[in-house]
Amino acid sequence: MVEMMNDSNLRRPDADQLGGWKGPIRVLGFPETRLSVSSILPAFTIEPSESPDVFTRDGLRIIPNPSKRFPRRKPVYVYFEIYSLMPDESGVTSFTVEYTLSQSKKKGKRRKLRRFGTGDSPETSISIGRLGDSPVSKEYLSLDLGKAGRGDFTLNVKVSDQNSGEA
């Protein structure tokens, strides 16, 4: 764990107001010998860019969406990084990323009635096999949820390293 100093300022675009915060934060490190995945960053857009700015990382311009709320008619973007992938004898990493999207269960009276049924929410999964030449992989995905209906959804991401057997 590393302790860093954070200095943040926020400005409301619809008002002439500014707020700020300054203080220490603790940042967890990733073990170099175990498969690890960063936090999933929801974004309004992710696109290739060669312009260096605060939103550009390794050739990708990532506009974060900290509210995690998305208009239904716009794609949902997510970004994350995978660390400590194990290479084989040839130096090639092999891993699988499984994405599972499910509609969050409703609360209240309807939830109680589900006890008599299965209560399962519809879900969609896709699994993608990847090869690489680095122990680190930067992943991003765009989801079109325009026909998914209203409500809250949960995206689960599972990474499996084919060379080490870790998941």
Foldseek 3Di string as FASTA:
>chain_A
DDKDKDKDKDADPVDGDIDIDIDIDDDDDDDQADKDKFDKFKFQDKDFDPDDDPQDDPRIRTHTDVVPDDDLQGKIKIKMKIANFDADPVQKWKKKKKKKKWFDQDDDPVCVVCVVPVSDTDMDMDMDIDMDNDRMDIDMDIGNRNPVDDHDMDMDMDMATPVVRRD
